[in-house]
Amino acid sequence: MTYELTIKLLPELYTVFHFFSLIAAIHAGLTVRTSQGAVAWTVSLVAFPPVALPLYLAFGRKKFKGYIETLRKINAGNKNSLIKLLAPISRYKISSKETKLEYFDSLTKLPASRNNSVDLLIDGTETFNAIFNAIDRAEKYILIEFFIVRDDETGNRLKDHLIARAETGVKIFFLYDEVGSRKLDHQYILQMRRAGINILPFWTTQGIGNRFQINFRNHRKIVVVDGSIAFIGGHNVGDEYLGLSRKFGHWRDTHVKIKGPAVQSVQLIFTEDWYWSARSRPDVDLRSEPARDGNMDAIVLPSGPASKLEVCSLMFVQLINLAKKRLWIASPYFVPNQAVVVALQLAALRGVKIRIMLPLKPDHLLVYLASYSFLYQMSHSNIRFFRYEDGFMHQKVVLVDDDLSLVGTANADNRSFYLNFEVGILVHDADFACDVEKMLKADFLKCRESGIRDYESKSWVFKLGVRLSHLFAPVI
């Protein structure tokens, strides 16, 4: 009887799907970022309502709702305004016009500052040793935020270090992405909470407007200790990030340790994320001290789907436009938008020597295949592509000429450009750029060049996969 009733109701159910799909199609036509995307969604929603409507609910939106509005409420004349966290930087703020950091402060609303030190941390052992050492020396508080946290040996080492500090009275605030860390065991979280650690997911599905949107991620990796030292970069918390994965072996990644006024900017970014999740703000140290061991000009660059501007994409375009002699990009994923593609082509035409480093081994097949379509597209622009062969390359690093370097969490792909919350630090300093150059030169020695012949030698099945994957470029 139930089966027969279901059969009878199918026409009515299809009508309901079709009605809501038409509404969604109108919404797509009015809001989707590109005309190609709007057409694709509209046609799919009208032609295949039962399939397209759930997909549109999950992946159709490019803007994260509620985040900015929530922050405006606490910042509007409130004594707890988060913007006050930036006040201590005023003594060290520099005019962006004095450096190559011009326009980036307008893009992110965070100040460029002097008197910073930024140190490269190469690969997992060096990164986590530095982070654990800083955690063990914490006296007042620790802010920590990761996209992926695993309940493995590395994850438990982090947990043990944090619990040990919590037992001494250090306040700890821990954020993890609910999608990236979806496999995190509940007992792992309970052990931290029982030790007095404040641990929460970053609620990417919080709010009515975000309920079904599973495509947004908080991809940031942040550690701040006592407001005096910060860490950001490519590493998540898991054994594979220390090269312990059987599948990938060596894991090539880069983090940075930051001291100086820029730490306050990192602190603000974490505090905004925490406020979104908890509707409260942690008490943090508002003092800002210059780094004793460096005098670098730097600016912290947050980006995300809550911003009105496409900050991450514009940041990449501006970096490319600044290049006069050399541009090196290391990214595990290369699925850029048309604006970045055009900027790269124009830079190559004006004589900039461009190298793009990608991994040889794929960890996400769809993204890996899609990257080949851009290799083919830019093969006639004298842009050189290299595939890293010594394990998996996961770092996100950009070197511009001899004095400008970016290290952070953002990949050169549409997901980082539009869908992820990201953070990086842009440093205008010749010595730091020299360190980045040495690091990347060593990496290029472990690469093989990947030109158009690399694509043309593949089978027709592989090429078909590349073309089909390219269709999903806006959402992968």
Protein backbone atom coordinates (compact mmCIF):
# COMPACT_ATOMS: atom_id res chain seq x y z
CA MET A 1 0.00 0.00 0.00
CA THR A 2 2.82 2.39 0.86
CA TYR A 3 4.59 1.58 -2.42
CA GLU A 4 1.41 2.15 -4.42
CA LEU A 5 0.78 5.43 -2.62
CA THR A 6 4.31 6.56 -3.37
CA ILE A 7 3.85 5.79 -7.07
CA LYS A 8 0.63 7.80 -7.12
CA LEU A 9 2.31 10.75 -5.43
CA LEU A 10 5.29 10.88 -7.80
CA PRO A 11 3.70 13.40 -10.19
CA GLU A 12 2.82 15.68 -7.27
CA LEU A 13 6.31 15.34 -5.80
CA TYR A 14 7.86 16.16 -9.16
CA THR A 15 5.62 19.22 -9.42
CA VAL A 16 6.80 20.40 -5.99
CA PHE A 17 10.44 19.86 -6.98
CA HIS A 18 9.87 21.68 -10.23
CA PHE A 19 8.22 24.65 -8.48
CA PHE A 20 11.08 25.11 -6.01
CA SER A 21 13.63 24.47 -8.76
CA LEU A 22 12.14 27.31 -10.78
CA ILE A 23 12.51 29.60 -7.76
CA ALA A 24 16.10 28.39 -7.33
CA ALA A 25 16.76 28.96 -11.05
CA ILE A 26 15.59 32.56 -10.74
CA HIS A 27 17.80 32.95 -7.66
CA ALA A 28 20.77 31.50 -9.58
CA GLY A 29 20.21 33.84 -12.48
CA LEU A 30 20.24 36.83 -10.15
CA THR A 31 23.06 35.87 -7.78
CA VAL A 32 25.57 33.40 -9.28
CA ARG A 33 28.93 35.11 -9.81
CA THR A 34 29.58 34.28 -13.47
CA SER A 35 27.25 34.16 -16.44
CA GLN A 36 28.51 30.66 -17.27
CA GLY A 37 27.67 29.45 -13.78
CA ALA A 38 24.27 31.13 -13.84
CA VAL A 39 23.41 29.47 -17.16
CA ALA A 40 24.64 26.07 -15.98
CA TRP A 41 22.61 26.18 -12.77
CA THR A 42 19.50 27.55 -14.46
CA VAL A 43 19.46 24.90 -17.19
CA SER A 44 20.13 22.11 -14.68
CA LEU A 45 17.44 23.29 -12.28
CA VAL A 46 14.82 23.54 -15.00
CA ALA A 47 15.74 20.28 -16.77
CA PHE A 48 16.59 18.01 -13.82
CA PRO A 49 14.80 19.34 -10.69
CA PRO A 50 15.14 16.25 -8.41
CA VAL A 51 18.90 16.11 -8.97
CA ALA A 52 19.82 19.78 -9.38
CA LEU A 53 17.80 21.26 -6.48
CA PRO A 54 19.60 19.37 -3.66
CA LEU A 55 22.94 20.12 -5.33
CA TYR A 56 22.08 23.81 -5.58
CA LEU A 57 21.06 23.94 -1.91
CA ALA A 58 24.42 22.42 -0.97
CA PHE A 59 26.79 24.08 -3.45
CA GLY A 60 24.97 26.93 -5.16
CA ARG A 61 25.86 29.89 -2.97
CA LYS A 62 29.18 31.76 -2.94
CA LYS A 63 28.56 34.04 0.05
CA PHE A 64 28.58 32.97 3.69
CA LYS A 65 25.62 34.51 5.50
CA GLY A 66 25.56 36.11 8.94
CA TYR A 67 29.28 36.32 9.74
CA ILE A 68 29.82 40.01 8.91
CA GLU A 69 26.45 40.99 10.37
CA THR A 70 27.33 39.27 13.65
CA LEU A 71 30.65 41.09 13.87
CA ARG A 72 29.01 44.43 13.10
CA LYS A 73 26.74 44.03 16.12
CA ILE A 74 29.62 43.69 18.56
CA ASN A 75 31.70 46.39 16.83
CA ALA A 76 28.93 49.01 16.68
CA GLY A 77 29.76 51.26 19.64
CA ASN A 78 30.36 48.36 21.99
CA LYS A 79 33.07 48.53 24.63
CA ASN A 80 33.97 44.95 23.68
CA SER A 81 34.52 45.95 20.06
CA LEU A 82 36.87 43.55 18.33
CA ILE A 83 38.35 46.42 16.31
CA LYS A 84 40.01 47.63 19.54
CA LEU A 85 42.40 44.72 19.14
CA LEU A 86 44.09 46.69 16.37
CA ALA A 87 44.69 49.81 18.45
CA PRO A 88 48.09 48.61 19.78
CA ILE A 89 49.43 48.38 16.21
CA SER A 90 49.01 52.12 15.64
CA ARG A 91 52.56 52.87 16.85
CA TYR A 92 54.01 50.49 14.27
CA LYS A 93 51.61 51.12 11.41
CA ILE A 94 53.26 52.10 8.16
CA SER A 95 51.85 53.79 5.12
CA SER A 96 51.38 51.06 2.53
CA LYS A 97 52.53 53.54 -0.12
CA GLU A 98 56.02 53.34 1.38
CA THR A 99 56.24 49.65 0.49
CA LYS A 100 55.01 47.09 -1.99
CA LEU A 101 52.19 46.39 0.45
CA GLU A 102 50.14 49.20 -1.11
CA TYR A 103 46.44 48.42 -1.59
CA PHE A 104 46.54 45.26 0.51
CA ASP A 105 45.50 47.18 3.64
CA SER A 106 42.50 48.60 1.76
CA LEU A 107 41.64 45.10 0.58
CA THR A 108 41.67 43.44 4.02
CA LYS A 109 41.09 46.42 6.37
CA LEU A 110 44.12 45.35 8.42
CA PRO A 111 47.21 47.57 8.78
CA ALA A 112 50.67 46.98 7.43
CA SER A 113 53.23 47.23 10.23
CA ARG A 114 56.97 47.41 10.77
CA ASN A 115 59.16 45.78 13.45
CA ASN A 116 58.03 42.21 12.72
CA SER A 117 60.06 39.04 12.49
CA VAL A 118 58.85 36.14 10.34
CA ASP A 119 60.70 32.81 10.34
CA LEU A 120 60.19 29.97 7.89
CA LEU A 121 59.29 26.58 9.34
CA ILE A 122 59.97 23.89 6.76
CA ASP A 123 58.01 20.63 7.00
CA GLY A 124 56.10 19.07 9.88
CA THR A 125 58.80 18.22 12.39
CA GLU A 126 60.19 21.75 12.51
CA THR A 127 56.69 23.27 12.53
CA PHE A 128 55.21 21.18 15.32
CA ASN A 129 58.36 21.33 17.44
CA ALA A 130 58.15 25.14 17.29
CA ILE A 131 54.41 25.14 18.06
CA PHE A 132 54.72 22.68 20.96
CA ASN A 133 57.66 24.65 22.37
CA ALA A 134 55.60 27.85 22.30
CA ILE A 135 52.61 26.10 23.87
CA ASP A 136 54.77 24.73 26.68
CA ARG A 137 55.95 28.27 27.48
CA ALA A 138 52.46 29.81 27.49
CA GLU A 139 51.70 31.78 30.64
CA LYS A 140 48.25 33.30 30.03
CA TYR A 141 46.39 31.97 27.00
CA ILE A 142 46.56 30.00 23.76
CA LEU A 143 44.40 30.55 20.68
CA ILE A 144 44.38 27.62 18.28
CA GLU A 145 42.47 26.98 15.06
CA PHE A 146 42.88 24.22 12.46
CA PHE A 147 40.95 23.01 9.45
CA ILE A 148 41.75 19.33 10.08
CA VAL A 149 42.46 17.79 13.49
CA ARG A 150 42.99 14.04 13.63
CA ASP A 151 42.83 11.71 16.61
CA ASP A 152 46.18 10.11 15.80
CA GLU A 153 49.68 10.30 17.27
CA THR A 154 50.22 13.92 16.20
CA GLY A 155 46.74 14.97 17.28
CA ASN A 156 47.21 13.35 20.66
CA ARG A 157 50.59 15.01 21.13
CA LEU A 158 48.88 18.36 20.58
CA LYS A 159 46.11 17.42 22.99
CA ASP A 160 48.60 16.35 25.67
CA HIS A 161 50.58 19.61 25.39
CA LEU A 162 47.39 21.65 25.63
CA ILE A 163 46.00 19.72 28.59
CA ALA A 164 49.32 20.10 30.42
CA ARG A 165 49.14 23.89 30.01
CA ALA A 166 45.46 24.01 30.93
CA GLU A 167 46.28 22.26 34.20
CA THR A 168 48.61 25.17 35.09
CA GLY A 169 45.78 27.69 34.60
CA VAL A 170 46.49 28.77 31.01
CA LYS A 171 43.28 29.63 29.17
CA ILE A 172 42.90 27.77 25.88
CA PHE A 173 40.47 28.49 23.06
CA PHE A 174 40.39 25.84 20.31
CA LEU A 175 38.47 26.02 17.00
CA TYR A 176 38.23 23.26 14.41
CA ASP A 177 36.31 23.14 11.14
CA GLU A 178 33.21 20.96 11.47
CA VAL A 179 33.60 19.58 7.92
CA GLY A 180 37.38 19.21 7.76
CA SER A 181 37.46 17.55 11.21
CA ARG A 182 34.23 15.57 10.79
CA LYS A 183 36.04 12.31 11.67
CA LEU A 184 37.40 13.68 14.94
CA ASP A 185 36.40 11.32 17.74
CA HIS A 186 34.05 12.81 20.32
CA GLN A 187 36.19 11.40 23.15
CA TYR A 188 39.09 13.54 21.93
CA ILE A 189 36.93 16.64 22.37
CA LEU A 190 35.56 15.48 25.74
CA GLN A 191 39.06 14.97 27.16
CA MET A 192 39.93 18.55 26.30
CA ARG A 193 36.72 19.93 27.77
CA ARG A 194 37.20 17.98 30.98
CA ALA A 195 40.64 19.62 31.26
CA GLY A 196 39.00 23.05 31.04
CA ILE A 197 39.86 23.72 27.39
CA ASN A 198 37.28 25.73 25.45
CA ILE A 199 36.92 23.75 22.22
CA LEU A 200 34.28 24.40 19.56
CA PRO A 201 33.66 23.73 15.89
CA PHE A 202 33.58 26.67 13.51
CA TRP A 203 29.91 26.38 12.59
CA THR A 204 29.94 26.67 8.79
CA THR A 205 26.30 25.47 8.77
CA GLN A 206 25.16 27.80 11.55
CA GLY A 207 22.12 29.95 10.72
CA ILE A 208 19.14 29.34 8.47
CA GLY A 209 20.90 30.68 5.39
CA ASN A 210 23.84 28.29 5.85
CA ARG A 211 22.00 25.17 6.97
CA PHE A 212 22.40 23.16 3.78
CA GLN A 213 25.55 24.84 2.47
CA ILE A 214 28.30 22.27 2.98
CA ASN A 215 30.73 23.83 0.52
CA PHE A 216 32.11 26.50 2.91
CA ARG A 217 35.22 25.68 4.97
CA ASN A 218 37.30 27.41 7.61
CA HIS A 219 40.66 26.49 6.09
CA ARG A 220 42.75 28.63 8.48
CA LYS A 221 45.59 27.25 10.59
CA ILE A 222 46.35 29.60 13.49
CA VAL A 223 48.18 29.36 16.80
CA VAL A 224 48.68 32.42 19.03
CA VAL A 225 50.47 32.25 22.39
CA ASP A 226 50.10 35.08 24.93
CA GLY A 227 49.61 37.61 22.13
CA SER A 228 53.37 37.63 21.48
CA ILE A 229 53.91 34.85 18.97
CA ALA A 230 51.77 33.44 16.17
CA PHE A 231 51.95 30.58 13.69
CA ILE A 232 50.16 30.26 10.34
CA GLY A 233 50.77 28.13 7.26
CA GLY A 234 49.89 24.94 5.44
CA HIS A 235 50.02 22.26 8.15
CA ASN A 236 46.94 20.69 9.69
CA VAL A 237 47.10 18.40 12.70
CA GLY A 238 47.67 14.81 11.61
CA ASP A 239 50.37 12.20 11.10
CA GLU A 240 50.47 12.69 7.33
CA TYR A 241 51.68 16.27 7.86
CA LEU A 242 54.83 14.85 9.43
CA GLY A 243 55.43 12.53 6.48
CA LEU A 244 54.03 9.45 8.23
CA SER A 245 51.46 8.58 5.56
CA ARG A 246 52.05 5.34 3.65
CA LYS A 247 50.21 6.77 0.66
CA PHE A 248 52.21 10.01 0.30
CA GLY A 249 55.41 9.47 2.25
CA HIS A 250 57.28 12.76 2.62
CA TRP A 251 54.87 15.69 3.09
CA ARG A 252 56.35 18.98 1.89
CA ASP A 253 54.78 21.95 3.66
CA THR A 254 55.64 25.40 4.97
CA HIS A 255 54.58 27.32 8.07
CA VAL A 256 55.81 30.60 9.57
CA LYS A 257 56.45 31.87 13.08
CA ILE A 258 55.53 35.52 13.58
CA LYS A 259 56.58 38.01 16.26
CA GLY A 260 55.79 41.70 16.48
CA PRO A 261 52.73 43.88 15.82
CA ALA A 262 51.40 41.56 13.08
CA VAL A 263 50.51 39.06 15.82
CA GLN A 264 47.66 41.39 16.85
CA SER A 265 46.14 41.02 13.39
CA VAL A 266 46.28 37.23 13.64
CA GLN A 267 44.70 37.52 17.08
CA LEU A 268 41.87 39.60 15.68
CA ILE A 269 41.14 37.06 12.94
CA PHE A 270 40.92 34.24 15.46
CA THR A 271 38.77 36.32 17.81
CA GLU A 272 36.30 37.08 15.02
CA ASP A 273 36.05 33.38 14.18
CA TRP A 274 35.60 32.51 17.84
CA TYR A 275 32.88 35.12 18.23
CA TRP A 276 30.99 33.62 15.29
CA SER A 277 31.04 30.20 16.97
CA ALA A 278 30.63 31.13 20.64
CA ARG A 279 29.04 34.62 20.62
CA SER A 280 31.67 35.62 23.15
CA ARG A 281 35.24 36.85 22.86
CA PRO A 282 38.31 35.52 24.64
CA ASP A 283 40.26 37.91 26.82
CA VAL A 284 43.52 38.58 25.00
CA ASP A 285 46.55 40.73 25.65
CA LEU A 286 46.22 44.07 23.87
CA ARG A 287 49.88 45.02 24.22
CA SER A 288 51.91 44.99 21.04
CA GLU A 289 55.67 44.77 21.24
CA PRO A 290 58.18 45.07 18.39
CA ALA A 291 60.09 41.94 17.49
CA ARG A 292 63.55 42.00 19.02
CA ASP A 293 65.07 39.89 16.28
CA GLY A 294 63.68 41.53 13.14
CA ASN A 295 62.42 44.68 11.47
CA MET A 296 60.27 43.36 8.64
CA ASP A 297 57.35 45.15 7.04
CA ALA A 298 54.39 42.80 6.92
CA ILE A 299 50.64 42.61 6.62
CA VAL A 300 48.32 39.76 7.61
CA LEU A 301 45.81 38.90 4.88
CA PRO A 302 42.54 37.22 5.87
CA SER A 303 39.98 36.30 3.23
CA GLY A 304 36.73 34.42 3.08
CA PRO A 305 33.25 34.00 1.61
CA ALA A 306 31.74 36.49 4.08
CA SER A 307 33.55 39.46 2.49
CA LYS A 308 31.83 41.63 -0.09
CA LEU A 309 34.96 41.67 -2.23
CA GLU A 310 36.62 38.52 -3.58
CA VAL A 311 39.66 39.27 -1.42
CA CYS A 312 41.73 36.15 -2.05
CA SER A 313 41.37 36.35 -5.83
CA LEU A 314 42.16 40.08 -5.86
CA MET A 315 45.19 39.45 -3.63
CA PHE A 316 46.61 36.95 -6.13
CA VAL A 317 45.96 39.30 -9.05
CA GLN A 318 47.69 42.19 -7.26
CA LEU A 319 50.73 40.04 -6.42
CA ILE A 320 51.00 38.96 -10.05
CA ASN A 321 50.68 42.57 -11.22
CA LEU A 322 53.49 43.66 -8.87
CA ALA A 323 55.96 41.21 -10.39
CA LYS A 324 58.56 42.78 -12.63
CA LYS A 325 61.26 40.11 -12.89
CA ARG A 326 60.19 36.89 -11.23
CA LEU A 327 57.09 35.16 -9.89
CA TRP A 328 57.24 31.75 -8.22
CA ILE A 329 54.06 30.07 -6.98
CA ALA A 330 53.93 26.83 -4.98
CA SER A 331 50.44 25.42 -4.48
CA PRO A 332 49.07 21.88 -4.19
CA TYR A 333 46.01 22.87 -6.22
CA PHE A 334 45.97 25.07 -9.30
CA VAL A 335 42.43 25.77 -10.50
CA PRO A 336 42.42 29.59 -10.87
CA ASN A 337 39.69 31.88 -12.11
CA GLN A 338 39.93 33.75 -15.39
CA ALA A 339 41.19 36.95 -13.74
CA VAL A 340 44.26 35.13 -12.36
CA VAL A 341 44.84 33.30 -15.65
CA VAL A 342 44.82 36.58 -17.58
CA ALA A 343 47.09 38.29 -15.01
CA LEU A 344 49.60 35.43 -15.31
CA GLN A 345 49.53 35.56 -19.10
CA LEU A 346 50.06 39.33 -19.14
CA ALA A 347 52.91 39.05 -16.63
CA ALA A 348 54.61 36.46 -18.81
CA LEU A 349 54.16 38.67 -21.88
CA ARG A 350 55.87 41.60 -20.15
CA GLY A 351 58.89 39.41 -19.40
CA VAL A 352 58.26 38.11 -15.89
CA LYS A 353 59.81 34.68 -15.42
CA ILE A 354 56.99 32.58 -13.95
CA ARG A 355 57.36 29.19 -12.30
CA ILE A 356 54.42 27.27 -10.84
CA MET A 357 55.13 24.28 -8.60
CA LEU A 358 52.47 21.57 -8.24
CA PRO A 359 52.52 18.09 -6.73
CA LEU A 360 53.11 15.06 -8.93
CA LYS A 361 50.98 12.83 -6.69
CA PRO A 362 47.26 13.71 -6.45
CA ASP A 363 45.40 13.72 -3.15
CA HIS A 364 42.16 14.98 -4.77
CA LEU A 365 41.80 13.45 -8.24
CA LEU A 366 39.24 15.95 -9.57
CA VAL A 367 41.45 18.95 -8.69
CA TYR A 368 44.53 17.19 -10.02
CA LEU A 369 42.88 16.55 -13.38
CA ALA A 370 41.47 20.08 -13.60
CA SER A 371 44.95 21.57 -13.14
CA TYR A 372 46.04 19.97 -16.42
CA SER A 373 43.46 22.00 -18.32
CA PHE A 374 45.16 25.21 -17.15
CA LEU A 375 48.58 23.84 -18.05
CA TYR A 376 47.28 23.40 -21.59
CA GLN A 377 45.59 26.82 -21.56
CA MET A 378 48.77 28.66 -20.52
CA SER A 379 51.31 26.58 -22.39
CA HIS A 380 51.84 29.29 -25.02
CA SER A 381 52.59 32.04 -22.47
CA ASN A 382 56.10 30.91 -21.44
CA ILE A 383 54.79 29.98 -18.00
CA ARG A 384 56.74 27.01 -16.66
CA PHE A 385 55.06 24.27 -14.61
CA PHE A 386 56.93 21.87 -12.33
CA ARG A 387 55.71 18.70 -10.63
CA TYR A 388 57.17 17.95 -7.19
CA GLU A 389 58.28 14.30 -7.03
CA ASP A 390 59.51 13.78 -3.46
CA GLY A 391 56.21 12.86 -1.79
CA PHE A 392 53.30 15.30 -1.66
CA MET A 393 53.76 19.08 -1.94
CA HIS A 394 51.17 20.99 0.14
CA GLN A 395 52.81 24.40 0.77
CA LYS A 396 51.14 27.68 -0.24
CA VAL A 397 53.96 30.12 -1.02
CA VAL A 398 54.39 33.01 -3.47
CA LEU A 399 57.69 34.81 -4.19
CA VAL A 400 57.61 38.10 -6.11
CA ASP A 401 60.92 39.49 -7.40
CA ASP A 402 63.56 39.76 -4.66
CA ASP A 403 61.71 41.26 -1.73
CA LEU A 404 58.06 40.21 -1.51
CA SER A 405 56.86 36.86 -0.12
CA LEU A 406 53.51 35.36 0.84
CA VAL A 407 53.06 32.31 3.07
CA GLY A 408 49.67 31.14 4.24
CA THR A 409 46.77 28.75 3.85
CA ALA A 410 45.28 29.81 0.49
CA ASN A 411 45.68 27.63 -2.57
CA ALA A 412 45.65 28.96 -6.12
CA ASP A 413 42.18 27.59 -6.75
CA ASN A 414 38.58 28.72 -6.81
CA ARG A 415 37.79 27.06 -3.48
CA SER A 416 40.32 29.29 -1.70
CA PHE A 417 39.30 32.28 -3.82
CA TYR A 418 35.58 32.05 -3.04
CA LEU A 419 34.57 29.35 -0.56
CA ASN A 420 37.21 29.04 2.18
CA PHE A 421 38.17 31.24 5.11
CA GLU A 422 41.93 31.70 4.65
CA VAL A 423 44.83 33.61 6.17
CA GLY A 424 48.37 34.47 5.08
CA ILE A 425 51.14 36.92 5.78
CA LEU A 426 52.75 39.09 3.11
CA VAL A 427 56.29 40.16 3.97
CA HIS A 428 58.19 42.98 2.27
CA ASP A 429 61.77 42.17 3.21
CA ALA A 430 64.75 41.18 1.05
CA ASP A 431 66.31 38.87 3.65
CA PHE A 432 63.10 36.92 4.17
CA ALA A 433 62.60 36.71 0.40
CA CYS A 434 66.12 35.32 0.14
CA ASP A 435 65.21 32.59 2.63
CA VAL A 436 62.07 31.78 0.62
CA GLU A 437 64.12 31.68 -2.58
CA LYS A 438 66.60 29.21 -1.06
CA MET A 439 63.75 27.02 0.16
CA LEU A 440 61.95 26.98 -3.20
CA LYS A 441 65.17 26.42 -5.14
CA ALA A 442 65.74 23.27 -3.09
CA ASP A 443 62.17 22.21 -3.88
CA PHE A 444 62.57 22.82 -7.62
CA LEU A 445 65.55 20.45 -7.60
CA LYS A 446 63.07 17.75 -6.57
CA CYS A 447 60.69 18.58 -9.43
CA ARG A 448 60.42 17.64 -13.07
CA GLU A 449 59.15 20.17 -15.57
CA SER A 450 55.65 19.50 -16.85
CA GLY A 451 54.94 21.04 -20.25
CA ILE A 452 52.27 20.68 -22.89
CA ARG A 453 53.83 17.41 -24.05
CA ASP A 454 53.08 15.98 -20.63
CA TYR A 455 49.39 16.52 -21.35
CA GLU A 456 49.47 15.49 -25.01
CA SER A 457 51.16 12.18 -24.16
CA LYS A 458 48.26 11.13 -21.94
CA SER A 459 45.53 8.74 -23.04
CA TRP A 460 42.20 9.99 -24.42
CA VAL A 461 40.55 8.75 -21.22
CA PHE A 462 42.84 10.99 -19.15
CA LYS A 463 42.17 13.95 -21.46
CA LEU A 464 38.42 13.35 -21.20
CA GLY A 465 38.77 13.36 -17.42
CA VAL A 466 40.67 16.65 -17.62
CA ARG A 467 37.95 18.30 -19.72
CA LEU A 468 35.13 16.99 -17.51
CA SER A 469 36.97 18.07 -14.34
CA HIS A 470 37.42 21.54 -15.80
CA LEU A 471 33.62 21.90 -15.82
CA PHE A 472 33.67 21.65 -12.02
CA ALA A 473 36.45 24.23 -11.60
CA PRO A 474 34.21 26.84 -9.90
CA VAL A 475 33.35 24.55 -6.97
CA ILE A 476 36.37 22.24 -6.46
